[in-house]
Every structure is written in C-alpha cells, then in structure tokens.
Amino acid sequence: MGVILVPILDGKLDAWKQWATELNGSNDLKDLNSRYGLTKHEAWLAHTPSGAAVIAIHEGPGSDVFMQKLAESGNEFDNRFKAKLLELHGMDINQPPPGPMPERMIGG
C-alpha cells in the first residue's frame, strides 16, 4: 500500500475539487488503476492549520512501484495526471521529494 500526503497549493483548492470530481469514477482513472495493478486508489481532503492537503492511498499488487512507473510513463492520460499534480500540488513526479515515503506505525 502506498500513502502520500501532499499540500494543495494556495488558491488551488477549488480547482483540485473540480479535478477530483472529474476523476471520480472516470474510465481514465479506472484504466490507470488497471494498468498499474491498483485495486484501490483514493484521495482524502484534509484541512490542516497549514492549509488544505490531500492524503492519497493506493493499494494492489502494483502499489509499491506505482509512482516510479507513473513517472516513466508516456501515456496521454498519465501525462495529464502528472501535469495536474504539478499544477495543483507543486508535485513533480519526475523529481520525487527528498526523504522516505510515509511509514506505517500502527496497524496490522
């Protein structure tokens, strides 16, 4: 399972909500999940003292390599997906942030 916490850039919350609405149940997202072996792919909106953020969760056989494979992809939808991540979160999939991925501390 992969978990990512990423802030939404200032002034981009409404655009993020619109994008989430477009993605929710879309065939493009279903295809992305299928191509990368994801059985679950969710995004949760969180309001923090520092501003809005998204907690993204992806599960399935491909979840451990999903971000790497997405970075390498030239698929048209994947490229639009990556562009939205950059526009709304400032997150460049091709340049992962420093430090480790979130670590599960409680759970079984």
N, C-alpha and C. Protein backbone atom coordinates (compact mmCIF):
# COMPACT_ATOMS: atom_id res chain seq x y z
N MET A 1 0.85 -1.18 0.00
CA MET A 1 0.00 0.00 0.00
C MET A 1 0.89 1.23 0.00
N GLY A 2 0.49 2.21 -0.77
CA GLY A 2 1.18 3.49 -0.78
C GLY A 2 0.31 4.57 -0.19
N VAL A 3 0.92 5.45 0.58
CA VAL A 3 0.23 6.59 1.17
C VAL A 3 1.07 7.83 0.90
N ILE A 4 0.41 8.88 0.45
CA ILE A 4 1.10 10.14 0.17
C ILE A 4 0.31 11.27 0.80
N LEU A 5 0.99 12.17 1.47
CA LEU A 5 0.39 13.39 2.00
C LEU A 5 1.01 14.55 1.24
N VAL A 6 0.17 15.34 0.58
CA VAL A 6 0.69 16.44 -0.22
C VAL A 6 -0.22 17.66 -0.08
N PRO A 7 0.37 18.83 0.17
CA PRO A 7 -0.46 20.03 0.30
C PRO A 7 -1.05 20.45 -1.04
N ILE A 8 -2.17 21.13 -0.97
CA ILE A 8 -2.76 21.77 -2.15
C ILE A 8 -2.23 23.20 -2.15
N LEU A 9 -1.73 23.64 -3.28
CA LEU A 9 -1.16 24.99 -3.37
C LEU A 9 -2.22 26.05 -3.08
N ASP A 10 -1.77 27.17 -2.52
CA ASP A 10 -2.68 28.28 -2.23
C ASP A 10 -3.46 28.68 -3.47
N GLY A 11 -4.76 28.85 -3.30
CA GLY A 11 -5.62 29.28 -4.39
C GLY A 11 -6.04 28.16 -5.33
N LYS A 12 -5.65 26.92 -5.05
CA LYS A 12 -5.93 25.81 -5.96
C LYS A 12 -6.97 24.82 -5.43
N LEU A 13 -7.56 25.11 -4.27
CA LEU A 13 -8.50 24.16 -3.68
C LEU A 13 -9.71 23.91 -4.57
N ASP A 14 -10.32 24.96 -5.10
CA ASP A 14 -11.48 24.77 -5.97
C ASP A 14 -11.12 23.98 -7.23
N ALA A 15 -9.95 24.27 -7.80
CA ALA A 15 -9.50 23.53 -8.98
C ALA A 15 -9.26 22.07 -8.63
N TRP A 16 -8.71 21.81 -7.44
CA TRP A 16 -8.49 20.42 -7.02
C TRP A 16 -9.82 19.70 -6.87
N LYS A 17 -10.79 20.35 -6.24
CA LYS A 17 -12.11 19.73 -6.08
C LYS A 17 -12.74 19.41 -7.43
N GLN A 18 -12.59 20.30 -8.39
CA GLN A 18 -13.13 20.07 -9.73
C GLN A 18 -12.44 18.86 -10.37
N TRP A 19 -11.13 18.79 -10.24
CA TRP A 19 -10.37 17.67 -10.80
C TRP A 19 -10.80 16.36 -10.13
N ALA A 20 -10.98 16.39 -8.81
CA ALA A 20 -11.42 15.19 -8.09
C ALA A 20 -12.78 14.73 -8.60
N THR A 21 -13.67 15.68 -8.84
CA THR A 21 -15.00 15.34 -9.37
C THR A 21 -14.88 14.69 -10.75
N GLU A 22 -14.01 15.24 -11.60
CA GLU A 22 -13.80 14.68 -12.94
C GLU A 22 -13.22 13.27 -12.88
N LEU A 23 -12.30 13.04 -11.95
CA LEU A 23 -11.65 11.74 -11.85
C LEU A 23 -12.54 10.68 -11.24
N ASN A 24 -13.39 11.07 -10.33
CA ASN A 24 -14.18 10.12 -9.56
C ASN A 24 -15.04 9.25 -10.48
N GLY A 25 -14.69 7.97 -10.56
CA GLY A 25 -15.44 7.03 -11.39
C GLY A 25 -15.13 7.09 -12.88
N SER A 26 -14.16 7.91 -13.28
CA SER A 26 -13.87 8.05 -14.71
C SER A 26 -13.22 6.79 -15.28
N ASN A 27 -13.47 6.55 -16.55
CA ASN A 27 -12.84 5.42 -17.23
C ASN A 27 -11.33 5.59 -17.31
N ASP A 28 -10.87 6.84 -17.44
CA ASP A 28 -9.42 7.08 -17.49
C ASP A 28 -8.75 6.65 -16.19
N LEU A 29 -9.35 6.97 -15.06
CA LEU A 29 -8.77 6.58 -13.77
C LEU A 29 -8.85 5.06 -13.59
N LYS A 30 -9.96 4.47 -14.01
CA LYS A 30 -10.09 3.01 -13.93
C LYS A 30 -9.00 2.34 -14.76
N ASP A 31 -8.74 2.89 -15.96
CA ASP A 31 -7.70 2.35 -16.82
C ASP A 31 -6.32 2.50 -16.18
N LEU A 32 -6.04 3.67 -15.61
CA LEU A 32 -4.77 3.91 -14.93
C LEU A 32 -4.58 2.86 -13.83
N ASN A 33 -5.60 2.68 -13.01
CA ASN A 33 -5.50 1.71 -11.91
C ASN A 33 -5.26 0.30 -12.44
N SER A 34 -5.94 -0.06 -13.51
CA SER A 34 -5.78 -1.38 -14.10
C SER A 34 -4.36 -1.56 -14.64
N ARG A 35 -3.87 -0.57 -15.37
CA ARG A 35 -2.53 -0.66 -15.96
C ARG A 35 -1.44 -0.80 -14.91
N TYR A 36 -1.64 -0.20 -13.74
CA TYR A 36 -0.61 -0.22 -12.70
C TYR A 36 -0.89 -1.22 -11.59
N GLY A 37 -1.90 -2.06 -11.75
CA GLY A 37 -2.18 -3.09 -10.77
C GLY A 37 -2.69 -2.55 -9.44
N LEU A 38 -3.48 -1.48 -9.50
CA LEU A 38 -4.05 -0.90 -8.29
C LEU A 38 -5.49 -1.37 -8.14
N THR A 39 -5.83 -1.87 -6.96
CA THR A 39 -7.19 -2.30 -6.68
C THR A 39 -7.96 -1.26 -5.88
N LYS A 40 -7.24 -0.31 -5.32
CA LYS A 40 -7.85 0.78 -4.56
C LYS A 40 -7.00 2.02 -4.78
N HIS A 41 -7.67 3.15 -5.03
CA HIS A 41 -6.96 4.41 -5.28
C HIS A 41 -7.88 5.52 -4.79
N GLU A 42 -7.57 6.06 -3.63
CA GLU A 42 -8.44 7.07 -3.01
C GLU A 42 -7.65 8.33 -2.71
N ALA A 43 -8.37 9.44 -2.66
CA ALA A 43 -7.78 10.72 -2.23
C ALA A 43 -8.72 11.33 -1.20
N TRP A 44 -8.17 11.70 -0.09
CA TRP A 44 -8.92 12.29 1.02
C TRP A 44 -8.48 13.73 1.19
N LEU A 45 -9.42 14.63 1.28
CA LEU A 45 -9.14 16.05 1.50
C LEU A 45 -9.05 16.30 3.00
N ALA A 46 -7.97 16.92 3.43
CA ALA A 46 -7.77 17.25 4.84
C ALA A 46 -7.53 18.75 4.97
N HIS A 47 -8.15 19.34 5.97
CA HIS A 47 -7.93 20.76 6.26
C HIS A 47 -7.04 20.83 7.49
N THR A 48 -5.86 21.40 7.32
CA THR A 48 -4.88 21.48 8.40
C THR A 48 -4.62 22.94 8.74
N PRO A 49 -3.98 23.21 9.87
CA PRO A 49 -3.62 24.60 10.19
C PRO A 49 -2.73 25.25 9.12
N SER A 50 -2.02 24.42 8.36
CA SER A 50 -1.15 24.94 7.29
C SER A 50 -1.87 25.08 5.96
N GLY A 51 -3.14 24.66 5.90
CA GLY A 51 -3.90 24.73 4.66
C GLY A 51 -4.41 23.36 4.26
N ALA A 52 -5.05 23.32 3.10
CA ALA A 52 -5.62 22.07 2.60
C ALA A 52 -4.53 21.13 2.12
N ALA A 53 -4.78 19.85 2.31
CA ALA A 53 -3.84 18.82 1.88
C ALA A 53 -4.64 17.61 1.42
N VAL A 54 -3.98 16.74 0.69
CA VAL A 54 -4.59 15.52 0.20
C VAL A 54 -3.81 14.33 0.75
N ILE A 55 -4.54 13.36 1.23
CA ILE A 55 -3.97 12.08 1.62
C ILE A 55 -4.40 11.10 0.54
N ALA A 56 -3.45 10.61 -0.23
CA ALA A 56 -3.75 9.67 -1.31
C ALA A 56 -3.30 8.28 -0.89
N ILE A 57 -4.17 7.32 -1.15
CA ILE A 57 -3.91 5.93 -0.79
C ILE A 57 -4.07 5.08 -2.04
N HIS A 58 -3.11 4.23 -2.29
CA HIS A 58 -3.26 3.27 -3.38
C HIS A 58 -2.80 1.89 -2.91
N GLU A 59 -3.61 0.89 -3.25
CA GLU A 59 -3.35 -0.49 -2.85
C GLU A 59 -3.40 -1.39 -4.07
N GLY A 60 -2.78 -2.53 -3.95
CA GLY A 60 -2.80 -3.52 -5.00
C GLY A 60 -1.41 -4.02 -5.29
N PRO A 61 -1.31 -5.03 -6.15
CA PRO A 61 -0.01 -5.62 -6.45
C PRO A 61 1.01 -4.61 -7.02
N GLY A 62 0.53 -3.57 -7.67
CA GLY A 62 1.45 -2.60 -8.27
C GLY A 62 1.71 -1.38 -7.42
N SER A 63 1.19 -1.34 -6.21
CA SER A 63 1.27 -0.11 -5.42
C SER A 63 2.69 0.28 -5.05
N ASP A 64 3.57 -0.70 -4.85
CA ASP A 64 4.94 -0.37 -4.43
C ASP A 64 5.74 0.34 -5.52
N VAL A 65 5.37 0.13 -6.78
CA VAL A 65 6.12 0.74 -7.88
C VAL A 65 5.27 1.74 -8.68
N PHE A 66 4.07 2.03 -8.18
CA PHE A 66 3.15 2.90 -8.92
C PHE A 66 3.76 4.26 -9.26
N MET A 67 4.31 4.95 -8.28
CA MET A 67 4.83 6.30 -8.53
C MET A 67 6.00 6.27 -9.51
N GLN A 68 6.87 5.29 -9.37
CA GLN A 68 8.01 5.16 -10.29
C GLN A 68 7.53 4.90 -11.71
N LYS A 69 6.59 3.97 -11.86
CA LYS A 69 6.07 3.64 -13.19
C LYS A 69 5.31 4.82 -13.79
N LEU A 70 4.57 5.55 -12.96
CA LEU A 70 3.86 6.73 -13.45
C LEU A 70 4.86 7.77 -13.96
N ALA A 71 5.95 7.95 -13.23
CA ALA A 71 6.98 8.91 -13.65
C ALA A 71 7.55 8.55 -15.01
N GLU A 72 7.70 7.27 -15.27
CA GLU A 72 8.31 6.79 -16.52
C GLU A 72 7.33 6.76 -17.68
N SER A 73 6.05 6.88 -17.41
CA SER A 73 5.02 6.69 -18.43
C SER A 73 4.95 7.84 -19.43
N GLY A 74 4.65 7.49 -20.66
CA GLY A 74 4.37 8.48 -21.69
C GLY A 74 2.92 8.46 -22.13
N ASN A 75 2.09 7.69 -21.41
CA ASN A 75 0.67 7.59 -21.71
C ASN A 75 0.02 8.98 -21.64
N GLU A 76 -0.89 9.27 -22.57
CA GLU A 76 -1.51 10.60 -22.65
C GLU A 76 -2.23 10.98 -21.36
N PHE A 77 -3.04 10.08 -20.81
CA PHE A 77 -3.74 10.40 -19.57
C PHE A 77 -2.75 10.55 -18.41
N ASP A 78 -1.77 9.67 -18.36
CA ASP A 78 -0.76 9.76 -17.29
C ASP A 78 -0.05 11.11 -17.33
N ASN A 79 0.26 11.58 -18.54
CA ASN A 79 0.92 12.89 -18.67
C ASN A 79 0.02 14.02 -18.17
N ARG A 80 -1.27 13.95 -18.47
CA ARG A 80 -2.21 14.96 -17.95
C ARG A 80 -2.33 14.85 -16.43
N PHE A 81 -2.35 13.63 -15.92
CA PHE A 81 -2.42 13.39 -14.47
C PHE A 81 -1.20 14.01 -13.78
N LYS A 82 -0.02 13.76 -14.33
CA LYS A 82 1.21 14.32 -13.75
C LYS A 82 1.22 15.84 -13.83
N ALA A 83 0.70 16.39 -14.93
CA ALA A 83 0.64 17.85 -15.07
C ALA A 83 -0.29 18.45 -14.01
N LYS A 84 -1.39 17.78 -13.71
CA LYS A 84 -2.32 18.26 -12.67
C LYS A 84 -1.66 18.20 -11.30
N LEU A 85 -0.91 17.15 -11.03
CA LEU A 85 -0.20 17.06 -9.75
C LEU A 85 0.76 18.23 -9.58
N LEU A 86 1.43 18.59 -10.65
CA LEU A 86 2.36 19.73 -10.61
C LEU A 86 1.60 21.04 -10.44
N GLU A 87 0.53 21.22 -11.19
CA GLU A 87 -0.26 22.46 -11.15
C GLU A 87 -0.92 22.67 -9.79
N LEU A 88 -1.51 21.63 -9.24
CA LEU A 88 -2.32 21.77 -8.03
C LEU A 88 -1.55 21.56 -6.73
N HIS A 89 -0.47 20.78 -6.81
CA HIS A 89 0.28 20.44 -5.61
C HIS A 89 1.74 20.90 -5.66
N GLY A 90 2.21 21.29 -6.83
CA GLY A 90 3.63 21.59 -6.97
C GLY A 90 4.47 20.32 -6.91
N MET A 91 3.84 19.19 -7.17
CA MET A 91 4.48 17.88 -7.04
C MET A 91 4.94 17.38 -8.40
N ASP A 92 6.25 17.35 -8.59
CA ASP A 92 6.83 16.86 -9.84
C ASP A 92 7.20 15.39 -9.66
N ILE A 93 6.40 14.52 -10.24
CA ILE A 93 6.61 13.08 -10.11
C ILE A 93 8.00 12.68 -10.61
N ASN A 94 8.52 13.43 -11.58
CA ASN A 94 9.82 13.10 -12.13
C ASN A 94 10.96 13.44 -11.17
N GLN A 95 10.69 14.28 -10.17
CA GLN A 95 11.67 14.67 -9.16
C GLN A 95 11.06 14.42 -7.78
N PRO A 96 11.07 13.18 -7.30
CA PRO A 96 10.45 12.88 -6.01
C PRO A 96 11.04 13.75 -4.89
N PRO A 97 10.21 14.09 -3.90
CA PRO A 97 10.71 14.90 -2.80
C PRO A 97 11.75 14.14 -1.99
N PRO A 98 12.64 14.85 -1.32
CA PRO A 98 13.64 14.17 -0.51
C PRO A 98 12.99 13.46 0.67
N GLY A 99 13.63 12.45 1.14
CA GLY A 99 13.15 11.74 2.32
C GLY A 99 12.33 10.52 1.96
N PRO A 100 12.06 9.72 2.96
CA PRO A 100 11.34 8.47 2.73
C PRO A 100 9.85 8.69 2.57
N MET A 101 9.18 7.68 2.03
CA MET A 101 7.73 7.67 1.95
C MET A 101 7.19 7.53 3.38
N PRO A 102 5.91 7.87 3.59
CA PRO A 102 5.34 7.69 4.92
C PRO A 102 5.49 6.25 5.40
N GLU A 103 5.70 6.12 6.69
CA GLU A 103 5.91 4.81 7.29
C GLU A 103 4.73 4.46 8.19
N ARG A 104 4.15 3.30 7.98
CA ARG A 104 3.04 2.86 8.84
C ARG A 104 3.60 2.51 10.21
N MET A 105 3.02 3.12 11.23
CA MET A 105 3.50 2.91 12.59
C MET A 105 2.52 2.10 13.43
N ILE A 106 1.23 2.15 13.09
CA ILE A 106 0.21 1.41 13.82
C ILE A 106 -0.67 0.70 12.80
N GLY A 107 -0.98 -0.51 13.02
CA GLY A 107 -1.85 -1.25 12.12
C GLY A 107 -1.37 -2.67 11.97
N GLY A 108 -2.19 -3.46 11.37
CA GLY A 108 -1.80 -4.85 11.24
C GLY A 108 -2.32 -5.49 10.01
